[in-house]
Amino acid sequence: MNMNRYFLTLAMCVSTVVFTSCGDQKKSDATSADSTAATLSSPETTSTIAITGHLADLGLTPDSHWRGINLGDDFTKVKATEKGESFESDADHIGYTIEFKNLESADMLYYQTNSKVSAIDVDLFLNSRQSVSDYKKELDGYFTGRYGKSKPAEGGLVWMGRQGEQVLLKDVSKGKDFGLKVRIGPAEGTASASVK
């Protein structure tokens, strides 16, 4: 009878170990599924980027570098996409201004190389330190949603894209002149990085 108890206890221990091991395998499988989901919502996917507030005012979209324009697009797409008159245009670039309801504005310069959009510079002209903070916070979230975590650089933040693009967000406020600068272009050291 003691032997039966011994085998019964041994069988229960073995069953417990087997069930625990199976449970750990299920947790491992769930963790793998979670990491796959994290990969699917990683930088440059559109499902996690919400366009609200200042981002909507700027005309940003979840699937383009700036206002429906991507680096590498045909330069003719800029004129087709941007509404209004350009304030500046030559063989290398074209510039547009958008006005916001509170007398703030943004100037956007689209540069071209070989008839393709090669860089985008944006100057935001803002009214207050609070406005700078608000825009910076929303743009930080937008770029982080697209490209992942930023790094400090050039007195601002920089993000690196999968196709070699670099995005710089910088506070350029001086005294009572408040503003932000956004530069989207090839990463430093690449062939087209000389566009400023």
Protein backbone atom coordinates (compact mmCIF):
# COMPACT_ATOMS: atom_id res chain seq x y z
CA MET A 1 0.00 0.00 0.00
CA ASN A 2 2.88 2.41 0.73
CA MET A 3 4.22 1.59 -2.70
CA ASN A 4 0.89 2.59 -4.29
CA ARG A 5 1.03 5.93 -2.44
CA TYR A 6 4.60 6.41 -3.59
CA PHE A 7 3.64 5.81 -7.26
CA LEU A 8 0.54 7.98 -6.90
CA THR A 9 2.65 10.83 -5.43
CA LEU A 10 5.27 10.37 -8.13
CA ALA A 11 2.59 10.41 -10.86
CA MET A 12 1.11 13.62 -9.42
CA CYS A 13 4.56 15.28 -9.35
CA VAL A 14 5.29 14.24 -12.92
CA SER A 15 1.84 15.49 -14.02
CA THR A 16 2.44 18.82 -12.28
CA VAL A 17 5.81 19.23 -13.99
CA VAL A 18 4.31 18.33 -17.41
CA PHE A 19 1.36 20.72 -17.00
CA THR A 20 3.62 23.51 -15.73
CA SER A 21 5.95 22.97 -18.66
CA CYS A 22 3.02 23.11 -21.10
CA GLY A 23 1.79 26.31 -19.44
CA ASP A 24 5.25 27.87 -19.78
CA GLN A 25 5.28 26.89 -23.47
CA LYS A 26 1.89 28.61 -23.96
CA LYS A 27 3.26 31.73 -22.23
CA SER A 28 6.32 31.58 -24.48
CA ASP A 29 4.07 31.27 -27.55
CA ALA A 30 1.99 34.23 -26.30
CA THR A 31 5.17 36.25 -25.78
CA SER A 32 6.25 35.42 -29.33
CA ALA A 33 2.86 36.53 -30.62
CA ASP A 34 3.18 39.76 -28.62
CA SER A 35 6.61 40.47 -30.09
CA THR A 36 5.19 39.82 -33.57
CA ALA A 37 2.40 42.31 -32.84
CA ALA A 38 4.98 44.81 -31.63
CA THR A 39 6.90 44.33 -34.85
CA LEU A 40 3.76 44.87 -36.90
CA SER A 41 3.13 48.18 -35.14
CA SER A 42 6.77 49.21 -35.27
CA PRO A 43 8.06 52.43 -36.84
CA GLU A 44 6.71 53.50 -40.22
CA THR A 45 3.38 51.75 -39.86
CA THR A 46 0.28 53.84 -40.05
CA SER A 47 -2.06 52.06 -37.64
CA THR A 48 -0.64 53.65 -34.48
CA ILE A 49 -0.35 57.26 -35.66
CA ALA A 50 -3.29 59.48 -34.78
CA ILE A 51 -3.54 62.76 -36.67
CA THR A 52 -5.20 65.27 -34.35
CA GLY A 53 -4.83 68.87 -33.21
CA HIS A 54 -1.73 70.62 -34.53
CA LEU A 55 -0.83 67.66 -36.75
CA ALA A 56 -4.14 68.04 -38.59
CA ASP A 57 -3.56 71.80 -38.88
CA LEU A 58 -0.20 71.03 -40.50
CA GLY A 59 -1.92 68.67 -42.94
CA LEU A 60 0.17 65.66 -41.91
CA THR A 61 -0.84 62.15 -42.91
CA PRO A 62 0.02 58.86 -41.21
CA ASP A 63 1.64 57.46 -44.36
CA SER A 64 3.85 60.22 -45.78
CA HIS A 65 6.91 62.18 -44.75
CA TRP A 66 5.13 65.56 -44.91
CA ARG A 67 1.62 66.60 -46.08
CA GLY A 68 1.17 63.66 -48.46
CA ILE A 69 4.67 63.99 -49.94
CA ASN A 70 7.44 61.40 -49.52
CA LEU A 71 11.12 61.64 -50.29
CA GLY A 72 11.62 60.04 -53.69
CA ASP A 73 8.22 61.12 -55.05
CA ASP A 74 8.18 62.78 -58.47
CA PHE A 75 8.71 66.48 -57.87
CA THR A 76 5.57 67.23 -59.91
CA LYS A 77 3.57 65.63 -57.08
CA VAL A 78 4.44 68.60 -54.84
CA LYS A 79 2.61 71.06 -57.11
CA ALA A 80 -0.30 68.63 -57.47
CA THR A 81 -0.57 68.03 -53.71
CA GLU A 82 0.11 71.47 -52.24
CA LYS A 83 -2.74 73.93 -52.62
CA GLY A 84 -2.23 77.62 -53.11
CA GLU A 85 0.47 79.71 -54.69
CA SER A 86 4.11 79.05 -54.05
CA PHE A 87 6.06 81.92 -52.48
CA GLU A 88 9.38 80.80 -53.94
CA SER A 89 10.41 78.56 -56.81
CA ASP A 90 13.53 77.78 -58.82
CA ALA A 91 15.13 74.76 -60.49
CA ASP A 92 16.10 73.21 -57.14
CA HIS A 93 13.11 73.84 -54.86
CA ILE A 94 9.62 75.22 -54.36
CA GLY A 95 8.15 76.82 -51.23
CA TYR A 96 4.64 77.06 -49.83
CA THR A 97 3.15 78.78 -46.77
CA ILE A 98 0.18 77.67 -44.71
CA GLU A 99 -1.54 80.06 -42.30
CA PHE A 100 -3.18 78.96 -39.07
CA LYS A 101 -6.22 80.63 -37.49
CA ASN A 102 -4.18 82.18 -34.64
CA LEU A 103 -1.81 84.11 -36.96
CA GLU A 104 0.82 81.39 -36.80
CA SER A 105 2.21 79.89 -40.01
CA ALA A 106 4.52 77.34 -41.57
CA ASP A 107 6.83 77.69 -44.56
CA MET A 108 7.68 74.48 -46.39
CA LEU A 109 10.48 74.12 -48.90
CA TYR A 110 10.54 71.00 -51.05
CA TYR A 111 13.91 70.28 -52.70
CA GLN A 112 14.51 68.15 -55.76
CA THR A 113 17.33 66.11 -57.19
CA ASN A 114 16.86 64.41 -60.59
CA SER A 115 13.17 65.43 -60.61
CA LYS A 116 12.53 63.58 -57.31
CA VAL A 117 11.75 65.08 -53.89
CA SER A 118 15.09 64.91 -52.09
CA ALA A 119 14.51 66.93 -48.89
CA ILE A 120 11.84 68.91 -47.07
CA ASP A 121 12.51 71.89 -44.77
CA VAL A 122 9.74 73.31 -42.59
CA ASP A 123 9.83 76.49 -40.51
CA LEU A 124 7.01 76.92 -38.01
CA PHE A 125 6.45 80.54 -36.94
CA LEU A 126 4.64 80.43 -33.59
CA ASN A 127 3.28 82.96 -31.09
CA SER A 128 4.40 81.69 -27.69
CA ARG A 129 6.56 79.29 -25.72
CA GLN A 130 3.40 77.26 -25.00
CA SER A 131 2.65 76.93 -28.72
CA VAL A 132 6.22 75.73 -29.33
CA SER A 133 5.81 73.14 -26.55
CA ASP A 134 2.45 71.95 -27.90
CA TYR A 135 3.64 71.56 -31.49
CA LYS A 136 6.90 69.95 -30.37
CA LYS A 137 5.06 67.40 -28.22
CA GLU A 138 2.69 66.42 -31.03
CA LEU A 139 5.42 66.29 -33.67
CA ASP A 140 7.61 64.21 -31.32
CA GLY A 141 4.76 61.70 -30.95
CA TYR A 142 4.11 61.68 -34.70
CA PHE A 143 7.74 61.08 -35.67
CA THR A 144 8.23 58.52 -32.88
CA GLY A 145 5.15 56.65 -34.12
CA ARG A 146 6.64 56.56 -37.63
CA TYR A 147 10.34 56.02 -36.92
CA GLY A 148 10.78 54.79 -33.36
CA LYS A 149 12.74 56.40 -30.57
CA SER A 150 14.58 59.66 -31.26
CA LYS A 151 18.12 60.64 -30.34
CA PRO A 152 19.36 64.08 -29.32
CA ALA A 153 21.23 65.89 -32.12
CA GLU A 154 22.00 69.44 -33.30
CA GLY A 155 20.15 70.97 -30.36
CA GLY A 156 17.01 69.00 -31.19
CA LEU A 157 15.79 65.47 -31.76
CA VAL A 158 16.58 63.23 -34.71
CA TRP A 159 14.86 60.09 -36.01
CA MET A 160 16.25 57.66 -38.56
CA GLY A 161 13.96 56.04 -41.13
CA ARG A 162 14.29 52.62 -42.71
CA GLN A 163 15.07 54.04 -46.15
CA GLY A 164 18.00 56.13 -44.98
CA GLU A 165 16.03 59.29 -44.28
CA GLN A 166 16.70 61.46 -41.27
CA VAL A 167 14.16 63.69 -39.53
CA LEU A 168 15.33 66.60 -37.37
CA LEU A 169 13.01 68.54 -35.04
CA LYS A 170 14.58 71.60 -33.44
CA ASP A 171 13.38 74.51 -31.31
CA VAL A 172 14.73 77.65 -33.02
CA SER A 173 13.09 80.20 -30.70
CA LYS A 174 15.11 83.33 -29.96
CA GLY A 175 13.83 85.95 -27.55
CA LYS A 176 10.23 86.74 -28.50
CA ASP A 177 10.50 84.96 -31.86
CA PHE A 178 9.12 81.48 -31.30
CA GLY A 179 9.48 78.64 -33.75
CA LEU A 180 10.38 75.10 -34.69
CA LYS A 181 12.38 73.70 -37.59
CA VAL A 182 11.73 70.33 -39.20
CA ARG A 183 14.19 68.92 -41.73
CA ILE A 184 13.47 65.67 -43.55
CA GLY A 185 16.16 64.40 -45.86
CA PRO A 186 18.86 61.85 -46.44
CA ALA A 187 20.90 60.88 -43.41
CA GLU A 188 24.19 62.72 -43.00
CA GLY A 189 26.93 61.09 -45.04
CA THR A 190 24.67 59.90 -47.87
CA ALA A 191 25.01 61.20 -51.41
CA SER A 192 22.11 63.69 -51.22
CA ALA A 193 22.74 64.90 -47.68
CA SER A 194 24.18 68.21 -48.86
CA VAL A 195 20.70 69.72 -49.35
CA LYS A 196 20.08 72.23 -46.54
